[in-house]
Structures are given as C-alpha cells and as structure tokens.
C-alpha atoms as a PDB file:
ATOM      1  CA  UNK A   1     -16.943  19.024-161.363  1.00  0.00           C
ATOM      2  CA  UNK A   2     -20.313  20.722-162.436  1.00  0.00           C
ATOM      3  CA  UNK A   3     -18.239  22.902-165.387  1.00  0.00           C
ATOM      4  CA  UNK A   4     -16.664  19.373-166.452  1.00  0.00           C
ATOM      5  CA  UNK A   5     -19.977  17.164-166.608  1.00  0.00           C
ATOM      6  CA  UNK A   6     -21.392  20.249-168.705  1.00  0.00           C
ATOM      7  CA  UNK A   7     -18.634  20.324-170.872  1.00  0.00           C
ATOM      8  CA  UNK A   8     -19.021  16.753-171.468  1.00  0.00           C
ATOM      9  CA  UNK A   9     -22.684  16.409-172.072  1.00  0.00           C
ATOM     10  CA  UNK A  10     -22.147  19.129-174.816  1.00  0.00           C
ATOM     11  CA  UNK A  11     -19.734  16.682-176.478  1.00  0.00           C
ATOM     12  CA  UNK A  12     -21.945  14.064-177.068  1.00  0.00           C
ATOM     13  CA  UNK A  13     -24.880  16.244-177.610  1.00  0.00           C
ATOM     14  CA  UNK A  14     -23.167  17.603-180.505  1.00  0.00           C
ATOM     15  CA  UNK A  15     -21.269  14.064-181.440  1.00  0.00           C
ATOM     16  CA  UNK A  16     -24.679  12.227-181.843  1.00  0.00           C
ATOM     17  CA  UNK A  17     -26.243  14.854-183.918  1.00  0.00           C
ATOM     18  CA  UNK A  18     -23.530  14.942-185.925  1.00  0.00           C
ATOM     19  CA  UNK A  19     -23.905  11.333-186.548  1.00  0.00           C
ATOM     20  CA  UNK A  20     -27.525  11.583-187.467  1.00  0.00           C
ATOM     21  CA  UNK A  21     -27.131  14.974-189.809  1.00  0.00           C
ATOM     22  CA  UNK A  22     -30.248  15.264-192.178  1.00  0.00           C
ATOM     23  CA  UNK A  23     -29.286  13.801-195.872  1.00  0.00           C
ATOM     24  CA  UNK A  24     -28.444  16.896-198.710  1.00  0.00           C
ATOM     25  CA  UNK A  25     -30.292  16.466-201.927  1.00  0.00           C
ATOM     26  CA  UNK A  26     -28.217  14.063-204.039  1.00  0.00           C
ATOM     27  CA  UNK A  27     -26.756  12.669-200.881  1.00  0.00           C
ATOM     28  CA  UNK A  28     -26.315   8.331-201.240  1.00  0.00           C
ATOM     29  CA  UNK A  29     -28.658   7.153-198.702  1.00  0.00           C
ATOM     30  CA  UNK A  30     -28.337   3.982-196.603  1.00  0.00           C
ATOM     31  CA  UNK A  31     -30.028   1.789-198.738  1.00  0.00           C
ATOM     32  CA  UNK A  32     -27.875   3.436-202.012  1.00  0.00           C
ATOM     33  CA  UNK A  33     -24.416   2.512-200.657  1.00  0.00           C
ATOM     34  CA  UNK A  34     -26.357  -1.158-198.997  1.00  0.00           C
ATOM     35  CA  UNK A  35     -27.353  -1.720-202.726  1.00  0.00           C
ATOM     36  CA  UNK A  36     -24.329  -0.838-204.568  1.00  0.00           C
ATOM     37  CA  UNK A  37     -22.028  -2.856-202.052  1.00  0.00           C
ATOM     38  CA  UNK A  38     -24.111  -6.081-202.388  1.00  0.00           C
ATOM     39  CA  UNK A  39     -24.004  -5.820-206.311  1.00  0.00           C
ATOM     40  CA  UNK A  40     -20.022  -5.432-205.838  1.00  0.00           C
ATOM     41  CA  UNK A  41     -19.938  -8.189-203.581  1.00  0.00           C
ATOM     42  CA  UNK A  42     -22.409 -10.923-205.821  1.00  0.00           C
ATOM     43  CA  UNK A  43     -20.389  -9.574-209.104  1.00  0.00           C
ATOM     44  CA  UNK A  44     -17.239 -10.499-207.256  1.00  0.00           C
ATOM     45  CA  UNK A  45     -18.312 -14.260-206.183  1.00  0.00           C
ATOM     46  CA  UNK A  46     -19.768 -14.697-209.762  1.00  0.00           C
ATOM     47  CA  UNK A  47     -16.091 -13.646-211.039  1.00  0.00           C
ATOM     48  CA  UNK A  48     -14.143 -15.703-208.509  1.00  0.00           C
ATOM     49  CA  UNK A  49     -15.974 -18.759-208.978  1.00  0.00           C
ATOM     50  CA  UNK A  50     -15.204 -19.103-212.906  1.00  0.00           C
ATOM     51  CA  UNK A  51     -11.339 -18.432-212.153  1.00  0.00           C
ATOM     52  CA  UNK A  52     -10.538 -19.829-208.926  1.00  0.00           C
ATOM     53  CA  UNK A  53      -9.267 -23.268-209.930  1.00  0.00           C
ATOM     54  CA  UNK A  54      -8.066 -22.299-213.098  1.00  0.00           C
ATOM     55  CA  UNK A  55      -4.628 -23.778-213.973  1.00  0.00           C
ATOM     56  CA  UNK A  56      -1.776 -21.688-215.850  1.00  0.00           C
ATOM     57  CA  UNK A  57      -2.657 -23.462-218.991  1.00  0.00           C
ATOM     58  CA  UNK A  58      -6.412 -22.526-218.672  1.00  0.00           C
ATOM     59  CA  UNK A  59      -5.646 -18.770-217.135  1.00  0.00           C
ATOM     60  CA  UNK A  60      -3.771 -17.837-220.386  1.00  0.00           C
ATOM     61  CA  UNK A  61      -5.543 -19.666-222.934  1.00  0.00           C
ATOM     62  CA  UNK A  62      -7.082 -17.931-226.274  1.00  0.00           C
ATOM     63  CA  UNK A  63      -9.475 -19.143-228.605  1.00  0.00           C
ATOM     64  CA  UNK A  64      -7.714 -16.907-231.455  1.00  0.00           C
ATOM     65  CA  UNK A  65      -5.088 -13.951-231.967  1.00  0.00           C
ATOM     66  CA  UNK A  66      -8.201 -11.578-231.714  1.00  0.00           C
ATOM     67  CA  UNK A  67     -10.252 -12.630-228.534  1.00  0.00           C
ATOM     68  CA  UNK A  68      -8.878 -12.280-224.581  1.00  0.00           C
ATOM     69  CA  UNK A  69      -7.751 -15.045-222.467  1.00  0.00           C
ATOM     70  CA  UNK A  70      -9.296 -14.982-218.931  1.00  0.00           C
ATOM     71  CA  UNK A  71      -6.291 -13.601-217.781  1.00  0.00           C
ATOM     72  CA  UNK A  72      -6.752 -10.327-220.097  1.00  0.00           C
ATOM     73  CA  UNK A  73     -10.551 -10.406-218.963  1.00  0.00           C
ATOM     74  CA  UNK A  74      -9.703 -10.214-215.661  1.00  0.00           C
ATOM     75  CA  UNK A  75      -6.798  -7.444-215.873  1.00  0.00           C
ATOM     76  CA  UNK A  76      -9.357  -5.719-218.100  1.00  0.00           C
ATOM     77  CA  UNK A  77     -11.984  -5.916-215.105  1.00  0.00           C
ATOM     78  CA  UNK A  78      -8.841  -5.033-212.678  1.00  0.00           C
ATOM     79  CA  UNK A  79      -8.099  -1.637-214.592  1.00  0.00           C
ATOM     80  CA  UNK A  80     -11.301  -0.407-215.136  1.00  0.00           C
ATOM     81  CA  UNK A  81     -12.364  -0.298-211.781  1.00  0.00           C
ATOM     82  CA  UNK A  82     -10.300   2.034-210.530  1.00  0.00           C
ATOM     83  CA  UNK A  83     -11.288   4.371-213.835  1.00  0.00           C
ATOM     84  CA  UNK A  84     -15.136   3.831-212.713  1.00  0.00           C
ATOM     85  CA  UNK A  85     -14.425   5.083-209.266  1.00  0.00           C
ATOM     86  CA  UNK A  86     -12.580   8.093-210.611  1.00  0.00           C
ATOM     87  CA  UNK A  87     -15.587   8.839-213.003  1.00  0.00           C
ATOM     88  CA  UNK A  88     -18.091   8.912-210.010  1.00  0.00           C
ATOM     89  CA  UNK A  89     -15.615  10.959-207.781  1.00  0.00           C
ATOM     90  CA  UNK A  90     -15.254  13.594-210.297  1.00  0.00           C
ATOM     91  CA  UNK A  91     -18.975  13.952-211.145  1.00  0.00           C
ATOM     92  CA  UNK A  92     -19.390  16.793-208.713  1.00  0.00           C
ATOM     93  CA  UNK A  93     -17.393  18.789-211.290  1.00  0.00           C
ATOM     94  CA  UNK A  94     -20.371  18.378-213.680  1.00  0.00           C
ATOM     95  CA  UNK A  95     -24.437  19.583-213.745  1.00  0.00           C
ATOM     96  CA  UNK A  96     -26.234  19.034-210.696  1.00  0.00           C
ATOM     97  CA  UNK A  97     -29.928  18.373-211.390  1.00  0.00           C
ATOM     98  CA  UNK A  98     -30.967  15.420-209.007  1.00  0.00           C
ATOM     99  CA  UNK A  99     -33.825  13.400-210.581  1.00  0.00           C
ATOM    100  CA  UNK A 100     -36.749  11.263-209.052  1.00  0.00           C
ATOM    101  CA  UNK A 101     -35.979   7.853-207.283  1.00  0.00           C
ATOM    102  CA  UNK A 102     -38.515   6.716-210.310  1.00  0.00           C
ATOM    103  CA  UNK A 103     -36.147   8.360-212.680  1.00  0.00           C
ATOM    104  CA  UNK A 104     -32.576   6.756-211.074  1.00  0.00           C
ATOM    105  CA  UNK A 105     -33.815   3.138-211.036  1.00  0.00           C
ATOM    106  CA  UNK A 106     -34.780   3.558-215.056  1.00  0.00           C
ATOM    107  CA  UNK A 107     -31.542   4.225-215.323  1.00  0.00           C
ATOM    108  CA  UNK A 108     -29.972   1.539-213.106  1.00  0.00           C
ATOM    109  CA  UNK A 109     -32.139  -0.933-214.880  1.00  0.00           C
ATOM    110  CA  UNK A 110     -31.119   0.371-218.294  1.00  0.00           C
ATOM    111  CA  UNK A 111     -27.376   0.340-217.538  1.00  0.00           C
ATOM    112  CA  UNK A 112     -27.275  -3.008-216.514  1.00  0.00           C
ATOM    113  CA  UNK A 113     -29.641  -4.256-219.330  1.00  0.00           C
ATOM    114  CA  UNK A 114     -27.591  -2.549-221.635  1.00  0.00           C
ATOM    115  CA  UNK A 115     -23.738  -4.122-220.268  1.00  0.00           C
ATOM    116  CA  UNK A 116     -25.354  -7.313-220.081  1.00  0.00           C
ATOM    117  CA  UNK A 117     -26.045  -7.052-223.799  1.00  0.00           C
ATOM    118  CA  UNK A 118     -23.124  -9.177-225.333  1.00  0.00           C
ATOM    119  CA  UNK A 119     -24.020  -8.279-228.881  1.00  0.00           C
ATOM    120  CA  UNK A 120     -22.882  -5.000-228.572  1.00  0.00           C
ATOM    121  CA  UNK A 121     -19.043  -4.904-229.019  1.00  0.00           C
ATOM    122  CA  UNK A 122     -16.806  -2.032-227.642  1.00  0.00           C
ATOM    123  CA  UNK A 123     -13.353  -1.566-227.915  1.00  0.00           C
ATOM    124  CA  UNK A 124     -11.674  -0.788-224.758  1.00  0.00           C
ATOM    125  CA  UNK A 125      -9.441   2.285-224.267  1.00  0.00           C
ATOM    126  CA  UNK A 126      -5.746   1.801-224.421  1.00  0.00           C
ATOM    127  CA  UNK A 127      -5.036   2.609-220.611  1.00  0.00           C
ATOM    128  CA  UNK A 128      -7.511  -0.359-219.868  1.00  0.00           C
ATOM    129  CA  UNK A 129      -6.264  -2.714-222.235  1.00  0.00           C
ATOM    130  CA  UNK A 130      -4.655  -5.674-220.849  1.00  0.00           C
ATOM    131  CA  UNK A 131      -0.828  -6.091-220.642  1.00  0.00           C
ATOM    132  CA  UNK A 132      -0.336  -9.406-218.557  1.00  0.00           C
ATOM    133  CA  UNK A 133      -0.119  -7.957-215.236  1.00  0.00           C
ATOM    134  CA  UNK A 134      -1.547 -11.179-213.402  1.00  0.00           C
ATOM    135  CA  UNK A 135       0.881 -14.092-214.100  1.00  0.00           C
ATOM    136  CA  UNK A 136      -2.202 -16.661-212.218  1.00  0.00           C
ATOM    137  CA  UNK A 137      -5.442 -16.433-211.244  1.00  0.00           C
ATOM    138  CA  UNK A 138      -4.100 -16.619-207.616  1.00  0.00           C
ATOM    139  CA  UNK A 139      -2.315 -13.594-208.136  1.00  0.00           C
ATOM    140  CA  UNK A 140      -5.389 -11.659-209.527  1.00  0.00           C
ATOM    141  CA  UNK A 141      -7.401 -12.541-206.923  1.00  0.00           C
ATOM    142  CA  UNK A 142      -5.099 -11.071-204.293  1.00  0.00           C
ATOM    143  CA  UNK A 143      -5.629  -7.839-206.146  1.00  0.00           C
ATOM    144  CA  UNK A 144      -8.551  -7.847-207.368  1.00  0.00           C
ATOM    145  CA  UNK A 145      -9.828  -8.501-203.447  1.00  0.00           C
ATOM    146  CA  UNK A 146      -8.022  -5.339-202.121  1.00  0.00           C
ATOM    147  CA  UNK A 147      -8.874  -3.332-205.001  1.00  0.00           C
ATOM    148  CA  UNK A 148     -12.900  -4.245-204.603  1.00  0.00           C
ATOM    149  CA  UNK A 149     -12.095  -3.724-200.809  1.00  0.00           C
ATOM    150  CA  UNK A 150     -11.135  -0.155-201.501  1.00  0.00           C
ATOM    151  CA  UNK A 151     -13.973   0.586-203.656  1.00  0.00           C
ATOM    152  CA  UNK A 152     -16.304  -0.662-200.748  1.00  0.00           C
ATOM    153  CA  UNK A 153     -14.655   1.815-198.727  1.00  0.00           C
ATOM    154  CA  UNK A 154     -14.961   4.450-200.997  1.00  0.00           C
ATOM    155  CA  UNK A 155     -18.669   3.998-201.303  1.00  0.00           C
ATOM    156  CA  UNK A 156     -19.209   3.463-197.697  1.00  0.00           C
ATOM    157  CA  UNK A 157     -17.404   6.810-197.014  1.00  0.00           C
ATOM    158  CA  UNK A 158     -17.809   9.486-200.252  1.00  0.00           C
ATOM    159  CA  UNK A 159     -19.727  12.500-199.165  1.00  0.00           C
ATOM    160  CA  UNK A 160     -20.492  13.928-202.190  1.00  0.00           C
ATOM    161  CA  UNK A 161     -23.939  14.354-203.484  1.00  0.00           C
ATOM    162  CA  UNK A 162     -23.493  11.877-206.371  1.00  0.00           C
ATOM    163  CA  UNK A 163     -27.078  11.088-207.417  1.00  0.00           C
ATOM    164  CA  UNK A 164     -27.509  14.811-208.224  1.00  0.00           C
ATOM    165  CA  UNK A 165     -24.789  15.338-211.068  1.00  0.00           C
ATOM    166  CA  UNK A 166     -25.886  14.264-214.464  1.00  0.00           C
ATOM    167  CA  UNK A 167     -23.677  14.328-217.842  1.00  0.00           C
ATOM    168  CA  UNK A 168     -24.405  12.646-220.786  1.00  0.00           C
ATOM    169  CA  UNK A 169     -21.983   9.260-221.650  1.00  0.00           C
ATOM    170  CA  UNK A 170     -21.984   8.000-225.606  1.00  0.00           C
ATOM    171  CA  UNK A 171     -24.628   5.393-225.587  1.00  0.00           C
ATOM    172  CA  UNK A 172     -25.663   5.144-222.061  1.00  0.00           C
ATOM    173  CA  UNK A 173     -27.363   8.993-222.335  1.00  0.00           C
ATOM    174  CA  UNK A 174     -27.810  10.960-218.813  1.00  0.00           C
ATOM    175  CA  UNK A 175     -26.333   9.390-215.937  1.00  0.00           C
ATOM    176  CA  UNK A 176     -24.883  10.460-212.348  1.00  0.00           C
ATOM    177  CA  UNK A 177     -22.042   9.817-210.028  1.00  0.00           C
ATOM    178  CA  UNK A 178     -24.175   6.958-208.350  1.00  0.00           C
ATOM    179  CA  UNK A 179     -24.770   5.199-211.760  1.00  0.00           C
ATOM    180  CA  UNK A 180     -21.448   5.028-212.435  1.00  0.00           C
ATOM    181  CA  UNK A 181     -21.005   3.110-209.000  1.00  0.00           C
ATOM    182  CA  UNK A 182     -23.445   0.937-210.154  1.00  0.00           C
ATOM    183  CA  UNK A 183     -21.797   0.800-213.374  1.00  0.00           C
ATOM    184  CA  UNK A 184     -18.472  -0.657-211.630  1.00  0.00           C
ATOM    185  CA  UNK A 185     -20.596  -4.425-211.147  1.00  0.00           C
ATOM    186  CA  UNK A 186     -22.696  -4.047-214.084  1.00  0.00           C
ATOM    187  CA  UNK A 187     -19.323  -4.034-216.237  1.00  0.00           C
ATOM    188  CA  UNK A 188     -17.804  -6.733-214.167  1.00  0.00           C
ATOM    189  CA  UNK A 189     -20.987  -9.260-214.983  1.00  0.00           C
ATOM    190  CA  UNK A 190     -20.717  -8.353-218.430  1.00  0.00           C
ATOM    191  CA  UNK A 191     -16.859  -9.873-218.839  1.00  0.00           C
ATOM    192  CA  UNK A 192     -18.010 -12.737-216.776  1.00  0.00           C
ATOM    193  CA  UNK A 193     -20.386 -13.468-220.061  1.00  0.00           C
ATOM    194  CA  UNK A 194     -17.170 -12.942-222.013  1.00  0.00           C
ATOM    195  CA  UNK A 195     -15.022 -15.155-219.933  1.00  0.00           C
ATOM    196  CA  UNK A 196     -17.900 -17.956-219.768  1.00  0.00           C
ATOM    197  CA  UNK A 197     -17.487 -17.959-223.611  1.00  0.00           C
ATOM    198  CA  UNK A 198     -13.944 -18.818-223.049  1.00  0.00           C
ATOM    199  CA  UNK A 199     -14.566 -21.492-220.614  1.00  0.00           C
ATOM    200  CA  UNK A 200     -16.979 -23.129-223.418  1.00  0.00           C
ATOM    201  CA  UNK A 201     -14.309 -23.355-225.943  1.00  0.00           C
ATOM    202  CA  UNK A 202     -14.109 -26.824-227.283  1.00  0.00           C
ATOM    203  CA  UNK A 203     -10.433 -26.168-227.511  1.00  0.00           C
ATOM    204  CA  UNK A 204      -9.976 -25.074-223.842  1.00  0.00           C
ATOM    205  CA  UNK A 205      -7.609 -27.181-221.738  1.00  0.00           C
ATOM    206  CA  UNK A 206      -8.500 -29.791-219.464  1.00  0.00           C
END
C-alpha cells in the first residue's frame, strides 16, 4: 500500500511539474495566445456581421469584371488562412534570433497598419484566388467557423518558439512566426474593407 501511494505521489508531482514547465526563449506566452485568439474572434465577428444576411444575388454581385464579389472576397480570406498558418508553422526552418517585446509589438503595429491601408493593392497568388467554392453566405460561414476554430486550436497548442524565428517577407520586412498568426486577422480586416466597398456600391442589389 505504501509503495502504491508513493508511486501515485510521484506521478502527481510529475504531472504538476510538466504542467508548469518554464517557457523557452521564443515561446508564445499565455498572453500572446490570448491576444491572437481575441483578434481572430474579433475579425470573424466583423466579417460575419457584413455577410450573414446577404441574399444569393447580393452574395454574387460584382461591381464590374475586374472586382470581386462578396463570395469571391470571402473565399480568398478562407483560402489564405490555411496558407498563413502554414507559413507560421514553417518558420522554425528559418533564422532563430529572438527580439525584445518592444520590437515584437512594433512589428505587430506595423503589419496591422500596413494591411489596413487599401491604397496598396496586391495581386493574390493563383492558389488563393477564388474559384466559386461557396454558393451562399451560409455555406461560407459554416466552413469558415470550422477553419477558424482549427486556427485557434493551433494557436492554443503550438509548442514551437514562433516568436524567435524571423525572415524577410517583401514589403513587410522582417517578421516572425508569431507575426504570421497576427497577420491572419489583419488580412481578414483588410478584405472586410474591400467587402464594405462592394456593399456601398450604388448598384448593389437591395
């Protein structure tokens, strides 16, 4: 009996100890994960508020042949999300050089500001171009909820030190895996602005 109790005590101590293992340099903190997830929830809420009541005619409305419909904008957001999570996860193959928290926040602010500026236009790569995947807004919302839940699960469970790996990425300059996770919601908000432009078009179906 004493041997059994001793074994049980050792197991409890091991479980408690493993639950409170110290963070390594570059690891996401509890606050980091909370910030990213809150931003993911916020941007999803903003997106759904624009599209949840759209009719099929409104969902597929195009102002002209060179602009996207709400359906196409949302499909692009959906496709891009998996790509961005993949980029974040692959950062551990790049250079490990952790920066100060002040630098990390400075880059976060820059990324959000950069993406909110719709004066800068970019052509989406072919693999994240819309192809008519979602027939209705309801179809999209159902699929996007699942996709965003998977993203949040990744944020909650990833153990790679994503804040420590940095790589140059075009006009954004040097960013880390953590910044790619922030990029997801900033990218969603960028295209919410695009969506608002479509909804405000004088020819948009009533």
